[in-house]
């Protein structure tokens, strides 16, 4: 098992920036690909971005390309989500997720989840 704890959410005006962090514990961090998902009120949870165990490969949803950046620090057991040029449509609970690196990076099959952190973007 790996435990994931997100932090860094909050309220920001449109056009602003936030950086989310997700701290992992319980297993060797580099065993896992990491991802971020989000769920807005009344909507299904959706994929945002993912990063390979080494940090060499990343994936982004079209809606966040060019605005969001995922990164990781394996020495600190932490994955980050830098969010710039935020829009009201980015308002959601953001979840950190992990899957073993033996699984293809992809947008699915994440088996471990954090509790989520709220991001609210005001217009």
C-alpha atoms as a PDB file:
ATOM      1  CA  UNK A   1       0.000   0.000   0.000  1.00  0.00           C
ATOM      2  CA  UNK A   2       0.977   3.575  -0.522  1.00  0.00           C
ATOM      3  CA  UNK A   3      -0.620   6.466   1.336  1.00  0.00           C
ATOM      4  CA  UNK A   4      -1.128   9.768  -0.456  1.00  0.00           C
ATOM      5  CA  UNK A   5      -1.796  13.161   1.099  1.00  0.00           C
ATOM      6  CA  UNK A   6      -2.549  16.228  -1.001  1.00  0.00           C
ATOM      7  CA  UNK A   7      -2.012  19.827   0.022  1.00  0.00           C
ATOM      8  CA  UNK A   8      -1.939  23.274  -1.515  1.00  0.00           C
ATOM      9  CA  UNK A   9      -5.535  23.764  -2.553  1.00  0.00           C
ATOM     10  CA  UNK A  10      -7.405  26.965  -1.941  1.00  0.00           C
ATOM     11  CA  UNK A  11      -9.247  29.915  -3.418  1.00  0.00           C
ATOM     12  CA  UNK A  12      -7.675  31.869  -6.273  1.00  0.00           C
ATOM     13  CA  UNK A  13      -8.880  34.410  -8.803  1.00  0.00           C
ATOM     14  CA  UNK A  14      -9.113  33.572 -12.468  1.00  0.00           C
ATOM     15  CA  UNK A  15      -5.726  33.958 -14.112  1.00  0.00           C
ATOM     16  CA  UNK A  16      -3.910  33.103 -10.914  1.00  0.00           C
ATOM     17  CA  UNK A  17      -1.706  30.160  -9.964  1.00  0.00           C
ATOM     18  CA  UNK A  18      -1.592  27.407  -7.380  1.00  0.00           C
ATOM     19  CA  UNK A  19       0.792  24.561  -6.708  1.00  0.00           C
ATOM     20  CA  UNK A  20      -0.547  21.321  -5.338  1.00  0.00           C
ATOM     21  CA  UNK A  21       1.657  18.798  -3.596  1.00  0.00           C
ATOM     22  CA  UNK A  22       1.102  15.127  -2.911  1.00  0.00           C
ATOM     23  CA  UNK A  23       3.245  13.388  -0.354  1.00  0.00           C
ATOM     24  CA  UNK A  24       3.541   9.606  -0.514  1.00  0.00           C
ATOM     25  CA  UNK A  25       4.462   7.132   2.185  1.00  0.00           C
ATOM     26  CA  UNK A  26       4.390   3.426   2.830  1.00  0.00           C
ATOM     27  CA  UNK A  27       6.187   2.166  -0.253  1.00  0.00           C
ATOM     28  CA  UNK A  28       9.165   3.127  -2.379  1.00  0.00           C
ATOM     29  CA  UNK A  29       7.958   6.175  -4.270  1.00  0.00           C
ATOM     30  CA  UNK A  30       9.837   5.335  -7.450  1.00  0.00           C
ATOM     31  CA  UNK A  31       7.838   2.115  -7.754  1.00  0.00           C
ATOM     32  CA  UNK A  32       4.875   4.223  -8.868  1.00  0.00           C
ATOM     33  CA  UNK A  33       3.638   6.282 -11.765  1.00  0.00           C
ATOM     34  CA  UNK A  34       1.729   9.236 -10.345  1.00  0.00           C
ATOM     35  CA  UNK A  35      -1.297  11.162 -11.545  1.00  0.00           C
ATOM     36  CA  UNK A  36      -3.712  13.958 -10.772  1.00  0.00           C
ATOM     37  CA  UNK A  37      -7.443  13.764 -11.297  1.00  0.00           C
ATOM     38  CA  UNK A  38     -10.225  16.189 -10.489  1.00  0.00           C
ATOM     39  CA  UNK A  39     -13.921  16.095  -9.817  1.00  0.00           C
ATOM     40  CA  UNK A  40     -16.182  19.101 -10.152  1.00  0.00           C
ATOM     41  CA  UNK A  41     -19.607  19.235  -8.470  1.00  0.00           C
ATOM     42  CA  UNK A  42     -22.117  17.092 -10.351  1.00  0.00           C
ATOM     43  CA  UNK A  43     -19.489  15.724 -12.714  1.00  0.00           C
ATOM     44  CA  UNK A  44     -17.488  12.531 -12.960  1.00  0.00           C
ATOM     45  CA  UNK A  45     -13.882  12.412 -11.888  1.00  0.00           C
ATOM     46  CA  UNK A  46     -11.605  13.179 -14.820  1.00  0.00           C
ATOM     47  CA  UNK A  47      -7.962  12.668 -15.659  1.00  0.00           C
ATOM     48  CA  UNK A  48      -5.757  15.756 -15.496  1.00  0.00           C
ATOM     49  CA  UNK A  49      -2.153  14.633 -15.834  1.00  0.00           C
ATOM     50  CA  UNK A  50       0.278  11.805 -15.097  1.00  0.00           C
ATOM     51  CA  UNK A  51       4.011  11.337 -14.776  1.00  0.00           C
ATOM     52  CA  UNK A  52       6.127   8.227 -15.081  1.00  0.00           C
ATOM     53  CA  UNK A  53       8.062   6.795 -12.152  1.00  0.00           C
ATOM     54  CA  UNK A  54      11.290   8.353 -13.463  1.00  0.00           C
ATOM     55  CA  UNK A  55       9.748  11.666 -14.442  1.00  0.00           C
ATOM     56  CA  UNK A  56      10.769  11.156 -18.053  1.00  0.00           C
ATOM     57  CA  UNK A  57       7.245  10.888 -19.463  1.00  0.00           C
ATOM     58  CA  UNK A  58       4.152  12.970 -18.864  1.00  0.00           C
ATOM     59  CA  UNK A  59       0.567  13.027 -20.098  1.00  0.00           C
ATOM     60  CA  UNK A  60      -1.907  15.897 -19.996  1.00  0.00           C
ATOM     61  CA  UNK A  61      -5.590  16.319 -20.635  1.00  0.00           C
ATOM     62  CA  UNK A  62      -6.217  18.704 -23.525  1.00  0.00           C
ATOM     63  CA  UNK A  63      -8.039  21.077 -21.189  1.00  0.00           C
ATOM     64  CA  UNK A  64      -4.907  21.770 -19.137  1.00  0.00           C
ATOM     65  CA  UNK A  65      -2.097  21.525 -21.702  1.00  0.00           C
ATOM     66  CA  UNK A  66       0.112  24.566 -21.637  1.00  0.00           C
ATOM     67  CA  UNK A  67      -1.278  25.709 -18.272  1.00  0.00           C
ATOM     68  CA  UNK A  68      -0.548  22.858 -15.851  1.00  0.00           C
ATOM     69  CA  UNK A  69       2.772  21.136 -15.200  1.00  0.00           C
ATOM     70  CA  UNK A  70       3.302  17.906 -13.302  1.00  0.00           C
ATOM     71  CA  UNK A  71       6.645  17.110 -11.713  1.00  0.00           C
ATOM     72  CA  UNK A  72       8.036  14.829  -9.053  1.00  0.00           C
ATOM     73  CA  UNK A  73      10.896  14.645  -6.603  1.00  0.00           C
ATOM     74  CA  UNK A  74      11.634  11.022  -5.805  1.00  0.00           C
ATOM     75  CA  UNK A  75      14.034  12.017  -3.042  1.00  0.00           C
ATOM     76  CA  UNK A  76      11.175  13.825  -1.288  1.00  0.00           C
ATOM     77  CA  UNK A  77       8.470  11.266  -2.162  1.00  0.00           C
ATOM     78  CA  UNK A  78       6.397  14.088  -3.576  1.00  0.00           C
ATOM     79  CA  UNK A  79       4.582  14.874  -6.793  1.00  0.00           C
ATOM     80  CA  UNK A  80       3.564  18.408  -7.699  1.00  0.00           C
ATOM     81  CA  UNK A  81       0.966  20.040  -9.888  1.00  0.00           C
ATOM     82  CA  UNK A  82       1.748  23.597 -10.919  1.00  0.00           C
ATOM     83  CA  UNK A  83      -1.423  25.249 -12.167  1.00  0.00           C
ATOM     84  CA  UNK A  84      -1.184  28.542 -14.026  1.00  0.00           C
ATOM     85  CA  UNK A  85      -3.732  30.703 -15.843  1.00  0.00           C
ATOM     86  CA  UNK A  86      -6.479  29.152 -13.780  1.00  0.00           C
ATOM     87  CA  UNK A  87     -10.058  29.354 -14.995  1.00  0.00           C
ATOM     88  CA  UNK A  88     -13.365  28.986 -13.130  1.00  0.00           C
ATOM     89  CA  UNK A  89     -13.825  25.684 -14.986  1.00  0.00           C
ATOM     90  CA  UNK A  90     -10.780  24.364 -13.111  1.00  0.00           C
ATOM     91  CA  UNK A  91     -12.767  24.484  -9.872  1.00  0.00           C
ATOM     92  CA  UNK A  92     -12.848  20.952  -8.466  1.00  0.00           C
ATOM     93  CA  UNK A  93     -11.541  18.609  -5.838  1.00  0.00           C
ATOM     94  CA  UNK A  94      -8.109  17.498  -7.010  1.00  0.00           C
ATOM     95  CA  UNK A  95      -6.966  13.972  -6.239  1.00  0.00           C
ATOM     96  CA  UNK A  96      -3.501  12.505  -6.293  1.00  0.00           C
ATOM     97  CA  UNK A  97      -3.265   8.919  -7.535  1.00  0.00           C
ATOM     98  CA  UNK A  98      -0.644   6.216  -7.934  1.00  0.00           C
ATOM     99  CA  UNK A  99      -0.180   2.970  -9.824  1.00  0.00           C
ATOM    100  CA  UNK A 100       2.674   0.538  -9.976  1.00  0.00           C
ATOM    101  CA  UNK A 101       5.188   1.279 -12.679  1.00  0.00           C
ATOM    102  CA  UNK A 102       4.709  -2.207 -14.135  1.00  0.00           C
ATOM    103  CA  UNK A 103       1.435  -0.861 -15.538  1.00  0.00           C
ATOM    104  CA  UNK A 104       1.541   1.343 -18.620  1.00  0.00           C
ATOM    105  CA  UNK A 105       1.584   5.053 -17.806  1.00  0.00           C
ATOM    106  CA  UNK A 106      -1.800   5.798 -19.456  1.00  0.00           C
ATOM    107  CA  UNK A 107      -4.758   7.659 -17.999  1.00  0.00           C
ATOM    108  CA  UNK A 108      -6.375   4.747 -16.140  1.00  0.00           C
ATOM    109  CA  UNK A 109      -5.725   1.859 -13.750  1.00  0.00           C
ATOM    110  CA  UNK A 110      -4.709   4.033 -10.824  1.00  0.00           C
ATOM    111  CA  UNK A 111      -5.308   1.979  -7.705  1.00  0.00           C
ATOM    112  CA  UNK A 112      -4.229   4.279  -4.890  1.00  0.00           C
ATOM    113  CA  UNK A 113      -5.861   7.600  -4.088  1.00  0.00           C
ATOM    114  CA  UNK A 114      -5.496  10.538  -1.765  1.00  0.00           C
ATOM    115  CA  UNK A 115      -8.351  12.246   0.027  1.00  0.00           C
ATOM    116  CA  UNK A 116      -8.411  15.249  -2.282  1.00  0.00           C
ATOM    117  CA  UNK A 117      -7.874  18.974  -1.956  1.00  0.00           C
ATOM    118  CA  UNK A 118     -10.332  21.668  -3.002  1.00  0.00           C
ATOM    119  CA  UNK A 119      -9.373  24.195  -5.653  1.00  0.00           C
ATOM    120  CA  UNK A 120     -11.787  27.057  -6.234  1.00  0.00           C
ATOM    121  CA  UNK A 121     -11.234  29.603  -8.985  1.00  0.00           C
ATOM    122  CA  UNK A 122     -13.338  32.736  -8.795  1.00  0.00           C
ATOM    123  CA  UNK A 123     -14.239  34.799 -11.840  1.00  0.00           C
END
